[in-house]
Protein backbone atom coordinates (compact mmCIF):
# COMPACT_ATOMS: atom_id res chain seq x y z
CA MET A 1 12.42 14.53 4.66
CA LEU A 2 10.91 11.29 6.07
CA ASP A 3 9.90 8.18 4.11
CA ILE A 4 6.80 6.46 5.85
CA LYS A 5 6.02 3.12 4.39
CA PRO A 6 2.94 0.97 5.14
CA TYR A 7 2.76 -2.67 5.63
CA ASP A 8 0.66 -3.34 2.57
CA SER A 9 -1.12 -1.47 -0.44
CA GLU A 10 -4.43 -1.45 1.11
CA PHE A 11 -3.65 1.44 3.69
CA ASP A 12 -4.26 4.95 2.52
CA MET A 13 -1.17 6.69 3.65
CA SER A 14 -2.51 10.10 2.93
CA THR A 15 -5.28 9.43 5.79
CA LEU A 16 -1.84 9.56 8.19
CA VAL A 17 -0.82 13.32 7.32
CA PRO A 18 -3.21 15.20 9.51
CA LEU A 19 -2.89 12.32 12.29
CA ILE A 20 0.85 12.62 12.36
CA LYS A 21 1.04 16.25 12.51
CA GLU A 22 -1.84 16.24 15.35
CA LYS A 23 -0.05 13.72 17.39
CA ILE A 24 3.57 14.20 16.88
CA THR A 25 4.41 17.58 18.39
CA LYS A 26 7.62 19.05 20.06
CA PRO A 27 8.91 22.63 20.87
CA GLY A 28 10.57 23.74 17.57
CA LEU A 29 9.18 21.49 15.42
CA ILE A 30 7.03 22.52 12.26
CA TRP A 31 5.62 19.90 10.00
CA GLY A 32 5.78 20.96 6.09
CA ASP A 33 2.57 21.82 4.31
CA LYS A 34 3.00 19.44 1.50
CA PHE A 35 3.47 15.63 1.15
CA GLU A 36 3.82 13.24 -1.58
CA LEU A 37 2.82 9.49 -2.03
CA LYS A 38 5.60 7.75 -4.10
CA PRO A 39 5.53 4.25 -5.35
CA VAL A 40 7.86 1.69 -3.87
CA ALA A 41 6.70 -1.74 -5.14
CA PHE A 42 3.86 -4.13 -5.47
CA GLY A 43 1.18 -1.43 -5.52
CA ILE A 44 2.51 0.12 -1.97
CA LYS A 45 3.21 3.94 -1.74
CA LYS A 46 5.40 5.60 0.61
CA LEU A 47 4.64 8.93 2.32
CA VAL A 48 7.32 11.39 2.12
CA MET A 49 6.83 14.35 4.60
CA SER A 50 9.15 17.26 5.45
CA ALA A 51 9.67 18.65 8.91
CA THR A 52 11.91 21.39 10.20
CA TYR A 53 13.26 21.43 13.72
CA GLU A 54 15.85 22.97 16.22
CA ASP A 55 18.38 20.35 17.24
CA HIS A 56 18.19 21.24 20.70
CA ASN A 57 14.64 20.52 21.16
CA CYS A 58 14.35 17.34 18.88
CA GLU A 59 16.52 14.94 16.92
CA SER A 60 15.68 13.05 13.77
CA ASP A 61 15.83 9.67 15.79
CA ASP A 62 13.01 11.14 18.06
CA LEU A 63 10.61 11.72 15.20
CA VAL A 64 11.24 8.38 13.68
CA ASP A 65 10.70 6.47 16.98
CA ALA A 66 7.57 8.72 17.89
CA ILE A 67 5.92 7.98 14.56
CA GLN A 68 6.68 4.25 14.71
CA ALA A 69 5.42 3.92 18.09
CA ALA A 70 2.15 6.23 17.38
CA PHE A 71 1.09 4.25 14.31
CA GLU A 72 2.83 0.94 14.87
CA ASP A 73 -0.39 -0.89 13.65
CA ASP A 74 -0.21 1.15 10.36
CA ILE A 75 3.25 1.51 9.19
CA GLN A 76 6.32 -0.70 8.75
CA SER A 77 9.02 1.57 8.88
CA VAL A 78 10.37 5.44 9.03
CA ASP A 79 13.36 6.46 7.38
CA VAL A 80 15.16 9.81 7.23
CA ALA A 81 15.76 10.29 3.75
CA GLN A 82 17.26 13.84 3.94
CA ILE A 83 18.65 16.15 6.58
CA GLN A 84 19.72 19.80 5.74
CA LYS A 85 21.50 21.59 8.78
CA HIS A 86 21.80 25.44 8.80
CA GLN A 87 24.80 26.92 10.81
């Protein structure tokens, strides 16, 4: 689960969902179908998205860096909120 936060409350975070799925692609990466907008503070909402990926093709830091670089004008931060690993 990734928490993606904007700079201010004026930006509609739901518009990022299809753009992130389109721009951020890697072998073994599958974006979840659902997303949520959750309140943070002062009217700002964060975007919560899920993704699954194969460790040997992608790391969580790679996803964070790729999203921040691709949308640096629109988002303030990307945090990994939850990781589940299967053995």
